[in-house]
């Protein structure tokens, strides 16, 4: 465990990454802050009207911790895309947005939902195919704004996490 300049300590915690190819790969390690105030963890009703609140909460949380404007705007778009996907996969079901500092230069943004529709498409299908389509661009956008995107799916729970540079 080590101290950090954002007012907490880090601990190494294993997580599962999907490195862009096929099934989940071997566990990797990320650092998660132990200070509870260092994590944004909010639940939202499964309605489109909650997207604005989710974006606002993430922007405010990052702003309070000194993130620059570019990082805040990337984070807001990532939250918007991932939460929209959660709503489309599970209409009317609550979803959770979590943001945590991974280290002094990175944050992890996760959106968690429960779905009967299965897991998101594999990484190789995350691309902008038809620019006029109303759907199918969200994960490609998130991938382009992030350093890494992971997908974990287990028993109807889907967690998509994007790691961004601050």
N, C-alpha and C. Protein backbone atom coordinates (compact mmCIF):
# COMPACT_ATOMS: atom_id res chain seq x y z
N UNK A 1 0.85 -1.16 0.00
CA UNK A 1 0.00 0.00 0.00
C UNK A 1 0.90 1.23 0.00
N UNK A 2 0.47 2.28 -0.73
CA UNK A 2 1.25 3.50 -0.74
C UNK A 2 0.33 4.70 -0.66
N UNK A 3 0.85 5.79 -0.13
CA UNK A 3 0.07 7.02 -0.02
C UNK A 3 0.03 7.70 -1.37
N UNK A 4 -0.95 8.57 -1.55
CA UNK A 4 -1.03 9.32 -2.80
C UNK A 4 -1.36 10.77 -2.49
N UNK A 5 -1.17 11.64 -3.49
CA UNK A 5 -1.38 13.06 -3.25
C UNK A 5 -2.85 13.46 -3.35
N UNK A 6 -3.75 12.54 -3.58
CA UNK A 6 -5.17 12.86 -3.65
C UNK A 6 -5.88 12.54 -2.33
N UNK A 7 -5.12 12.23 -1.30
CA UNK A 7 -5.71 12.07 0.01
C UNK A 7 -6.15 10.67 0.35
N UNK A 8 -5.46 9.66 -0.11
CA UNK A 8 -5.83 8.29 0.23
C UNK A 8 -4.64 7.39 0.09
N UNK A 9 -4.88 6.12 0.06
CA UNK A 9 -3.83 5.14 -0.15
C UNK A 9 -4.28 4.19 -1.23
N UNK A 10 -3.31 3.59 -1.91
CA UNK A 10 -3.63 2.65 -2.95
C UNK A 10 -3.39 1.23 -2.48
N UNK A 11 -4.18 0.31 -2.99
CA UNK A 11 -3.94 -1.10 -2.75
C UNK A 11 -4.08 -1.80 -4.09
N UNK A 12 -3.29 -2.81 -4.34
CA UNK A 12 -3.40 -3.55 -5.58
C UNK A 12 -4.55 -4.54 -5.47
N UNK A 13 -5.42 -4.53 -6.48
CA UNK A 13 -6.59 -5.40 -6.50
C UNK A 13 -6.66 -6.03 -7.88
N UNK A 14 -6.81 -7.36 -7.97
CA UNK A 14 -6.89 -7.99 -9.29
C UNK A 14 -8.22 -7.66 -9.98
N UNK A 15 -8.18 -7.53 -11.30
CA UNK A 15 -9.39 -7.41 -12.09
C UNK A 15 -9.17 -8.18 -13.38
N UNK A 16 -10.24 -8.46 -14.07
CA UNK A 16 -10.14 -9.26 -15.28
C UNK A 16 -10.26 -8.34 -16.47
N UNK A 17 -9.34 -8.47 -17.41
CA UNK A 17 -9.30 -7.62 -18.60
C UNK A 17 -9.63 -8.42 -19.84
N UNK A 18 -10.32 -7.77 -20.76
CA UNK A 18 -10.53 -8.37 -22.06
C UNK A 18 -9.67 -7.54 -23.01
N UNK A 19 -8.53 -8.05 -23.38
CA UNK A 19 -7.51 -7.29 -24.09
C UNK A 19 -7.84 -7.11 -25.56
N UNK A 20 -9.09 -7.14 -25.91
CA UNK A 20 -9.48 -6.88 -27.28
C UNK A 20 -9.62 -8.12 -28.13
N UNK A 21 -9.39 -9.27 -27.57
CA UNK A 21 -9.45 -10.49 -28.36
C UNK A 21 -10.18 -11.57 -27.58
N UNK A 22 -11.28 -12.04 -28.10
CA UNK A 22 -11.98 -13.20 -27.57
C UNK A 22 -12.34 -13.11 -26.10
N UNK A 23 -12.26 -14.22 -25.38
CA UNK A 23 -12.73 -14.29 -24.00
C UNK A 23 -11.82 -13.53 -23.04
N UNK A 24 -12.28 -13.44 -21.82
CA UNK A 24 -11.51 -12.75 -20.78
C UNK A 24 -10.14 -13.38 -20.64
N UNK A 25 -9.14 -12.54 -20.41
CA UNK A 25 -7.76 -12.99 -20.29
C UNK A 25 -7.36 -13.09 -18.82
N UNK A 26 -6.11 -13.37 -18.59
CA UNK A 26 -5.59 -13.53 -17.23
C UNK A 26 -5.78 -12.25 -16.42
N UNK A 27 -5.91 -12.38 -15.10
CA UNK A 27 -6.07 -11.20 -14.26
C UNK A 27 -4.87 -10.26 -14.36
N UNK A 28 -5.16 -8.99 -14.34
CA UNK A 28 -4.14 -7.96 -14.27
C UNK A 28 -4.35 -7.27 -12.94
N UNK A 29 -3.50 -6.32 -12.60
CA UNK A 29 -3.64 -5.63 -11.32
C UNK A 29 -3.81 -4.15 -11.56
N UNK A 30 -4.81 -3.58 -10.89
CA UNK A 30 -4.97 -2.14 -10.87
C UNK A 30 -4.94 -1.70 -9.42
N UNK A 31 -4.70 -0.44 -9.21
CA UNK A 31 -4.69 0.09 -7.85
C UNK A 31 -6.01 0.79 -7.59
N UNK A 32 -6.59 0.55 -6.45
CA UNK A 32 -7.83 1.19 -6.07
C UNK A 32 -7.60 1.90 -4.74
N UNK A 33 -8.06 3.12 -4.65
CA UNK A 33 -7.87 3.89 -3.43
C UNK A 33 -8.74 3.35 -2.31
N UNK A 34 -8.21 3.35 -1.09
CA UNK A 34 -8.93 2.83 0.05
C UNK A 34 -9.78 3.89 0.74
N UNK A 35 -9.54 5.14 0.50
CA UNK A 35 -10.32 6.22 1.09
C UNK A 35 -11.71 6.22 0.44
N UNK A 36 -12.81 6.01 1.21
CA UNK A 36 -14.14 5.94 0.63
C UNK A 36 -14.54 7.19 -0.14
N UNK A 37 -14.06 8.37 0.27
CA UNK A 37 -14.41 9.59 -0.45
C UNK A 37 -13.69 9.66 -1.80
N UNK A 38 -12.73 8.78 -2.01
CA UNK A 38 -11.98 8.76 -3.25
C UNK A 38 -12.68 7.95 -4.33
N UNK A 39 -13.85 7.43 -4.04
CA UNK A 39 -14.61 6.67 -5.01
C UNK A 39 -16.00 7.26 -5.16
N UNK A 40 -16.40 7.51 -6.38
CA UNK A 40 -17.78 7.88 -6.67
C UNK A 40 -18.51 6.58 -6.95
N UNK A 41 -19.59 6.32 -6.26
CA UNK A 41 -20.36 5.10 -6.44
C UNK A 41 -21.83 5.47 -6.31
N UNK A 42 -22.50 5.62 -7.46
CA UNK A 42 -23.89 6.08 -7.47
C UNK A 42 -24.78 5.12 -8.25
N UNK A 43 -26.01 4.99 -7.76
CA UNK A 43 -27.02 4.16 -8.41
C UNK A 43 -28.06 5.09 -9.03
N UNK A 44 -28.52 4.73 -10.22
CA UNK A 44 -29.48 5.55 -10.95
C UNK A 44 -30.65 4.70 -11.41
N UNK A 45 -31.82 5.30 -11.43
CA UNK A 45 -33.00 4.62 -11.95
C UNK A 45 -32.80 4.36 -13.44
N UNK A 46 -33.42 3.33 -13.94
CA UNK A 46 -33.24 2.92 -15.33
C UNK A 46 -34.07 3.74 -16.30
N UNK A 47 -33.86 5.05 -16.28
CA UNK A 47 -34.58 5.98 -17.16
C UNK A 47 -33.59 6.91 -17.83
N UNK A 48 -33.88 7.29 -19.06
CA UNK A 48 -32.99 8.17 -19.82
C UNK A 48 -32.78 9.52 -19.11
N UNK A 49 -33.75 9.94 -18.34
CA UNK A 49 -33.63 11.22 -17.64
C UNK A 49 -32.49 11.22 -16.63
N UNK A 50 -32.00 10.07 -16.23
CA UNK A 50 -30.91 10.00 -15.25
C UNK A 50 -29.53 10.20 -15.87
N UNK A 51 -29.43 10.16 -17.20
CA UNK A 51 -28.13 10.30 -17.85
C UNK A 51 -27.47 11.64 -17.51
N UNK A 52 -28.25 12.69 -17.51
CA UNK A 52 -27.71 14.02 -17.18
C UNK A 52 -27.14 14.04 -15.77
N UNK A 53 -27.86 13.45 -14.82
CA UNK A 53 -27.38 13.41 -13.43
C UNK A 53 -26.09 12.60 -13.33
N UNK A 54 -26.02 11.48 -14.04
CA UNK A 54 -24.80 10.66 -14.00
C UNK A 54 -23.60 11.45 -14.54
N UNK A 55 -23.78 12.12 -15.67
CA UNK A 55 -22.68 12.94 -16.23
C UNK A 55 -22.29 14.05 -15.26
N UNK A 56 -23.29 14.74 -14.73
CA UNK A 56 -23.03 15.85 -13.81
C UNK A 56 -22.29 15.37 -12.56
N UNK A 57 -22.69 14.23 -12.01
CA UNK A 57 -22.04 13.70 -10.81
C UNK A 57 -20.57 13.36 -11.08
N UNK A 58 -20.30 12.75 -12.23
CA UNK A 58 -18.92 12.40 -12.57
C UNK A 58 -18.10 13.67 -12.80
N UNK A 59 -18.64 14.64 -13.53
CA UNK A 59 -17.92 15.90 -13.76
C UNK A 59 -17.61 16.60 -12.45
N UNK A 60 -18.58 16.67 -11.57
CA UNK A 60 -18.39 17.34 -10.28
C UNK A 60 -17.34 16.62 -9.44
N UNK A 61 -17.43 15.29 -9.39
CA UNK A 61 -16.49 14.50 -8.60
C UNK A 61 -15.06 14.69 -9.11
N UNK A 62 -14.88 14.64 -10.43
CA UNK A 62 -13.54 14.83 -11.01
C UNK A 62 -13.05 16.27 -10.80
N UNK A 63 -13.95 17.24 -10.94
CA UNK A 63 -13.59 18.65 -10.74
C UNK A 63 -13.10 18.89 -9.31
N UNK A 64 -13.80 18.31 -8.33
CA UNK A 64 -13.40 18.46 -6.93
C UNK A 64 -12.02 17.87 -6.65
N UNK A 65 -11.58 16.97 -7.51
CA UNK A 65 -10.29 16.31 -7.32
C UNK A 65 -9.22 16.83 -8.27
N UNK A 66 -9.53 17.94 -8.95
CA UNK A 66 -8.52 18.63 -9.74
C UNK A 66 -8.27 18.10 -11.13
N UNK A 67 -9.18 17.31 -11.69
CA UNK A 67 -8.99 16.82 -13.06
C UNK A 67 -9.09 17.98 -14.04
N UNK A 68 -8.32 17.91 -15.12
CA UNK A 68 -8.38 18.98 -16.11
C UNK A 68 -9.64 18.87 -16.97
N UNK A 69 -9.93 19.92 -17.70
CA UNK A 69 -11.17 20.00 -18.48
C UNK A 69 -11.26 18.91 -19.54
N UNK A 70 -10.16 18.60 -20.21
CA UNK A 70 -10.19 17.56 -21.24
C UNK A 70 -10.54 16.20 -20.64
N UNK A 71 -9.96 15.87 -19.50
CA UNK A 71 -10.27 14.59 -18.85
C UNK A 71 -11.73 14.55 -18.41
N UNK A 72 -12.24 15.66 -17.89
CA UNK A 72 -13.63 15.70 -17.45
C UNK A 72 -14.58 15.50 -18.63
N UNK A 73 -14.27 16.11 -19.76
CA UNK A 73 -15.15 15.97 -20.92
C UNK A 73 -15.10 14.55 -21.49
N UNK A 74 -13.92 13.94 -21.52
CA UNK A 74 -13.82 12.53 -21.95
C UNK A 74 -14.64 11.64 -21.02
N UNK A 75 -14.49 11.88 -19.72
CA UNK A 75 -15.22 11.08 -18.74
C UNK A 75 -16.74 11.24 -18.90
N UNK A 76 -17.20 12.46 -19.13
CA UNK A 76 -18.64 12.70 -19.31
C UNK A 76 -19.17 11.95 -20.52
N UNK A 77 -18.43 11.96 -21.62
CA UNK A 77 -18.88 11.25 -22.82
C UNK A 77 -18.85 9.74 -22.59
N UNK A 78 -17.83 9.25 -21.91
CA UNK A 78 -17.75 7.81 -21.61
C UNK A 78 -18.94 7.39 -20.75
N UNK A 79 -19.24 8.15 -19.70
CA UNK A 79 -20.38 7.83 -18.83
C UNK A 79 -21.67 7.85 -19.64
N UNK A 80 -21.82 8.84 -20.48
CA UNK A 80 -23.03 8.95 -21.29
C UNK A 80 -23.21 7.73 -22.19
N UNK A 81 -22.15 7.32 -22.86
CA UNK A 81 -22.22 6.17 -23.77
C UNK A 81 -22.47 4.87 -23.00
N UNK A 82 -21.73 4.64 -21.92
CA UNK A 82 -21.87 3.39 -21.17
C UNK A 82 -23.23 3.31 -20.47
N UNK A 83 -23.69 4.41 -19.91
CA UNK A 83 -24.99 4.40 -19.23
C UNK A 83 -26.12 4.23 -20.25
N UNK A 84 -25.98 4.84 -21.42
CA UNK A 84 -26.99 4.64 -22.47
C UNK A 84 -27.04 3.18 -22.87
N UNK A 85 -25.88 2.55 -23.03
CA UNK A 85 -25.85 1.12 -23.34
C UNK A 85 -26.55 0.31 -22.26
N UNK A 86 -26.29 0.65 -20.99
CA UNK A 86 -26.92 -0.07 -19.88
C UNK A 86 -28.44 0.08 -19.93
N UNK A 87 -28.91 1.28 -20.22
CA UNK A 87 -30.36 1.52 -20.32
C UNK A 87 -30.98 0.75 -21.48
N UNK A 88 -30.28 0.71 -22.61
CA UNK A 88 -30.81 -0.01 -23.77
C UNK A 88 -30.82 -1.52 -23.53
N UNK A 89 -29.83 -2.02 -22.80
CA UNK A 89 -29.75 -3.45 -22.53
C UNK A 89 -30.74 -3.88 -21.44
N UNK A 90 -31.09 -2.95 -20.56
CA UNK A 90 -31.95 -3.27 -19.40
C UNK A 90 -32.94 -2.16 -19.14
N UNK A 91 -33.88 -1.94 -20.05
CA UNK A 91 -34.84 -0.84 -19.85
C UNK A 91 -35.55 -0.94 -18.50
N UNK A 92 -35.58 0.17 -17.77
CA UNK A 92 -36.27 0.21 -16.49
C UNK A 92 -35.48 -0.33 -15.31
N UNK A 93 -34.31 -0.90 -15.55
CA UNK A 93 -33.49 -1.47 -14.48
C UNK A 93 -32.46 -0.43 -14.01
N UNK A 94 -32.18 -0.41 -12.72
CA UNK A 94 -31.18 0.52 -12.21
C UNK A 94 -29.80 0.17 -12.76
N UNK A 95 -28.93 1.15 -12.78
CA UNK A 95 -27.53 0.95 -13.17
C UNK A 95 -26.66 1.72 -12.19
N UNK A 96 -25.40 1.35 -12.12
CA UNK A 96 -24.46 1.95 -11.19
C UNK A 96 -23.30 2.55 -11.96
N UNK A 97 -22.88 3.74 -11.57
CA UNK A 97 -21.69 4.38 -12.11
C UNK A 97 -20.69 4.49 -10.98
N UNK A 98 -19.47 4.03 -11.25
CA UNK A 98 -18.40 4.12 -10.26
C UNK A 98 -17.17 4.73 -10.93
N UNK A 99 -16.54 5.65 -10.23
CA UNK A 99 -15.28 6.24 -10.69
C UNK A 99 -14.29 6.13 -9.54
N UNK A 100 -13.08 5.70 -9.86
CA UNK A 100 -12.04 5.55 -8.85
C UNK A 100 -10.71 5.93 -9.48
N UNK A 101 -9.84 6.57 -8.69
CA UNK A 101 -8.50 6.84 -9.17
C UNK A 101 -7.71 5.54 -9.16
N UNK A 102 -7.09 5.21 -10.26
CA UNK A 102 -6.26 4.02 -10.36
C UNK A 102 -4.86 4.35 -9.85
N UNK A 103 -4.38 5.51 -10.23
CA UNK A 103 -3.11 6.05 -9.75
C UNK A 103 -3.17 7.55 -9.95
N UNK A 104 -2.05 8.23 -9.80
CA UNK A 104 -2.05 9.70 -9.91
C UNK A 104 -2.37 10.20 -11.31
N UNK A 105 -2.30 9.34 -12.31
CA UNK A 105 -2.50 9.77 -13.69
C UNK A 105 -3.70 9.13 -14.38
N UNK A 106 -4.41 8.22 -13.71
CA UNK A 106 -5.50 7.49 -14.34
C UNK A 106 -6.71 7.34 -13.42
N UNK A 107 -7.87 7.27 -14.04
CA UNK A 107 -9.10 6.94 -13.32
C UNK A 107 -9.80 5.82 -14.08
N UNK A 108 -10.55 5.02 -13.37
CA UNK A 108 -11.36 3.96 -13.97
C UNK A 108 -12.83 4.34 -13.80
N UNK A 109 -13.56 4.31 -14.91
CA UNK A 109 -14.98 4.62 -14.92
C UNK A 109 -15.71 3.32 -15.25
N UNK A 110 -16.58 2.88 -14.34
CA UNK A 110 -17.33 1.63 -14.56
C UNK A 110 -18.82 1.90 -14.55
N UNK A 111 -19.53 1.21 -15.44
CA UNK A 111 -20.99 1.20 -15.42
C UNK A 111 -21.41 -0.25 -15.30
N UNK A 112 -22.27 -0.50 -14.33
CA UNK A 112 -22.72 -1.86 -14.01
C UNK A 112 -24.24 -1.92 -14.18
N UNK A 113 -24.70 -2.98 -14.83
CA UNK A 113 -26.14 -3.19 -14.95
C UNK A 113 -26.45 -4.68 -14.99
N UNK A 114 -27.70 -4.99 -14.80
CA UNK A 114 -28.18 -6.38 -14.89
C UNK A 114 -29.00 -6.50 -16.15
N UNK A 115 -28.73 -7.53 -16.92
CA UNK A 115 -29.42 -7.70 -18.19
C UNK A 115 -29.70 -9.16 -18.47
N UNK A 116 -30.75 -9.40 -19.20
CA UNK A 116 -31.02 -10.75 -19.69
C UNK A 116 -30.59 -10.85 -21.15
N UNK A 117 -30.07 -9.74 -21.69
CA UNK A 117 -29.68 -9.68 -23.09
C UNK A 117 -28.27 -10.15 -23.38
N UNK A 118 -27.56 -10.68 -22.40
CA UNK A 118 -26.20 -11.16 -22.64
C UNK A 118 -25.17 -10.06 -22.50
N UNK A 119 -23.96 -10.37 -22.94
CA UNK A 119 -22.85 -9.44 -22.79
C UNK A 119 -22.71 -8.58 -24.04
N UNK A 120 -22.01 -7.45 -23.91
CA UNK A 120 -21.75 -6.60 -25.08
C UNK A 120 -20.94 -7.35 -26.13
N UNK A 121 -20.90 -6.83 -27.35
CA UNK A 121 -20.13 -7.50 -28.40
C UNK A 121 -18.64 -7.54 -28.08
N UNK A 122 -17.95 -8.49 -28.69
CA UNK A 122 -16.49 -8.62 -28.51
C UNK A 122 -15.78 -7.39 -29.07
N UNK A 123 -14.59 -7.12 -28.56
CA UNK A 123 -13.80 -5.94 -28.95
C UNK A 123 -13.65 -5.79 -30.46
N UNK A 124 -13.47 -6.88 -31.17
CA UNK A 124 -13.25 -6.77 -32.62
C UNK A 124 -14.46 -6.22 -33.36
N UNK A 125 -15.61 -6.13 -32.69
CA UNK A 125 -16.81 -5.57 -33.32
C UNK A 125 -17.06 -4.13 -32.91
N UNK A 126 -16.12 -3.54 -32.15
CA UNK A 126 -16.28 -2.16 -31.70
C UNK A 126 -15.67 -1.23 -32.72
N UNK A 127 -16.39 -0.90 -33.74
CA UNK A 127 -15.90 0.04 -34.74
C UNK A 127 -17.08 0.78 -35.36
N UNK A 128 -16.78 1.89 -35.94
CA UNK A 128 -17.81 2.71 -36.56
C UNK A 128 -18.07 2.17 -37.97
N UNK A 129 -19.12 1.40 -38.11
CA UNK A 129 -19.40 0.80 -39.41
C UNK A 129 -20.26 1.70 -40.26
N UNK A 130 -21.41 2.07 -39.79
CA UNK A 130 -22.33 2.90 -40.55
C UNK A 130 -22.59 4.18 -39.76
N UNK A 131 -22.03 5.26 -40.22
CA UNK A 131 -22.14 6.53 -39.49
C UNK A 131 -23.57 7.06 -39.42
N UNK A 132 -24.47 6.56 -40.25
CA UNK A 132 -25.85 7.01 -40.22
C UNK A 132 -26.72 6.17 -39.29
N UNK A 133 -26.18 5.06 -38.80
CA UNK A 133 -26.93 4.19 -37.90
C UNK A 133 -27.18 4.90 -36.57
N UNK A 134 -28.35 4.65 -36.00
CA UNK A 134 -28.69 5.25 -34.72
C UNK A 134 -28.07 4.50 -33.55
N UNK A 135 -27.54 3.31 -33.78
CA UNK A 135 -26.97 2.49 -32.71
C UNK A 135 -25.64 1.89 -33.14
N UNK A 136 -24.90 1.37 -32.17
CA UNK A 136 -23.72 0.59 -32.48
C UNK A 136 -22.39 1.33 -32.45
N UNK A 137 -22.39 2.57 -32.00
CA UNK A 137 -21.13 3.32 -31.98
C UNK A 137 -20.58 3.54 -30.58
N UNK A 138 -21.37 3.29 -29.55
CA UNK A 138 -21.00 3.64 -28.18
C UNK A 138 -19.69 3.05 -27.70
N UNK A 139 -19.52 1.74 -27.85
CA UNK A 139 -18.28 1.12 -27.36
C UNK A 139 -17.08 1.55 -28.19
N UNK A 140 -17.27 1.80 -29.48
CA UNK A 140 -16.16 2.31 -30.31
C UNK A 140 -15.74 3.70 -29.84
N UNK A 141 -16.70 4.53 -29.49
CA UNK A 141 -16.40 5.87 -28.98
C UNK A 141 -15.66 5.76 -27.65
N UNK A 142 -16.16 4.92 -26.75
CA UNK A 142 -15.51 4.73 -25.45
C UNK A 142 -14.09 4.22 -25.64
N UNK A 143 -13.91 3.27 -26.53
CA UNK A 143 -12.57 2.73 -26.80
C UNK A 143 -11.62 3.83 -27.30
N UNK A 144 -12.12 4.72 -28.16
CA UNK A 144 -11.26 5.79 -28.71
C UNK A 144 -10.88 6.83 -27.66
N UNK A 145 -11.68 6.97 -26.61
CA UNK A 145 -11.42 7.96 -25.56
C UNK A 145 -10.65 7.41 -24.37
N UNK A 146 -10.44 6.10 -24.36
CA UNK A 146 -9.86 5.42 -23.20
C UNK A 146 -8.51 4.79 -23.52
N UNK A 147 -7.74 4.55 -22.49
CA UNK A 147 -6.49 3.80 -22.65
C UNK A 147 -6.75 2.31 -22.65
N UNK A 148 -7.83 1.90 -21.99
CA UNK A 148 -8.18 0.48 -21.92
C UNK A 148 -9.66 0.38 -21.59
N UNK A 149 -10.33 -0.60 -22.18
CA UNK A 149 -11.73 -0.88 -21.88
C UNK A 149 -11.84 -2.36 -21.55
N UNK A 150 -12.48 -2.66 -20.43
CA UNK A 150 -12.68 -4.06 -20.05
C UNK A 150 -14.17 -4.33 -19.93
N UNK A 151 -14.54 -5.56 -20.19
CA UNK A 151 -15.92 -6.01 -20.06
C UNK A 151 -15.92 -7.26 -19.20
N UNK A 152 -16.75 -7.25 -18.19
CA UNK A 152 -16.91 -8.44 -17.36
C UNK A 152 -18.39 -8.74 -17.30
N UNK A 153 -18.74 -9.99 -17.52
CA UNK A 153 -20.13 -10.40 -17.52
C UNK A 153 -20.25 -11.70 -16.74
N UNK A 154 -21.17 -11.70 -15.77
CA UNK A 154 -21.35 -12.89 -14.95
C UNK A 154 -22.78 -12.95 -14.45
N UNK A 155 -23.49 -14.00 -14.77
CA UNK A 155 -24.85 -14.25 -14.29
C UNK A 155 -25.77 -13.05 -14.51
N UNK A 156 -25.73 -12.48 -15.70
CA UNK A 156 -26.63 -11.37 -16.03
C UNK A 156 -26.15 -10.01 -15.59
N UNK A 157 -25.01 -9.93 -14.90
CA UNK A 157 -24.46 -8.64 -14.52
C UNK A 157 -23.34 -8.30 -15.48
N UNK A 158 -23.41 -7.10 -16.05
CA UNK A 158 -22.39 -6.65 -16.98
C UNK A 158 -21.72 -5.41 -16.39
N UNK A 159 -20.39 -5.41 -16.39
CA UNK A 159 -19.61 -4.26 -15.93
C UNK A 159 -18.65 -3.88 -17.06
N UNK A 160 -18.78 -2.65 -17.55
CA UNK A 160 -17.86 -2.14 -18.55
C UNK A 160 -17.05 -1.05 -17.87
N UNK A 161 -15.72 -1.17 -17.95
CA UNK A 161 -14.82 -0.22 -17.29
C UNK A 161 -13.88 0.38 -18.31
N UNK A 162 -13.79 1.69 -18.30
CA UNK A 162 -12.87 2.43 -19.17
C UNK A 162 -11.82 3.09 -18.28
N UNK A 163 -10.56 2.91 -18.63
CA UNK A 163 -9.47 3.56 -17.89
C UNK A 163 -9.02 4.75 -18.71
N UNK A 164 -9.04 5.94 -18.09
CA UNK A 164 -8.66 7.16 -18.79
C UNK A 164 -7.48 7.82 -18.11
N UNK A 165 -6.71 8.56 -18.93
CA UNK A 165 -5.63 9.39 -18.40
C UNK A 165 -6.23 10.70 -17.92
N UNK A 166 -5.76 11.13 -16.74
CA UNK A 166 -6.24 12.40 -16.18
C UNK A 166 -5.39 13.56 -16.63
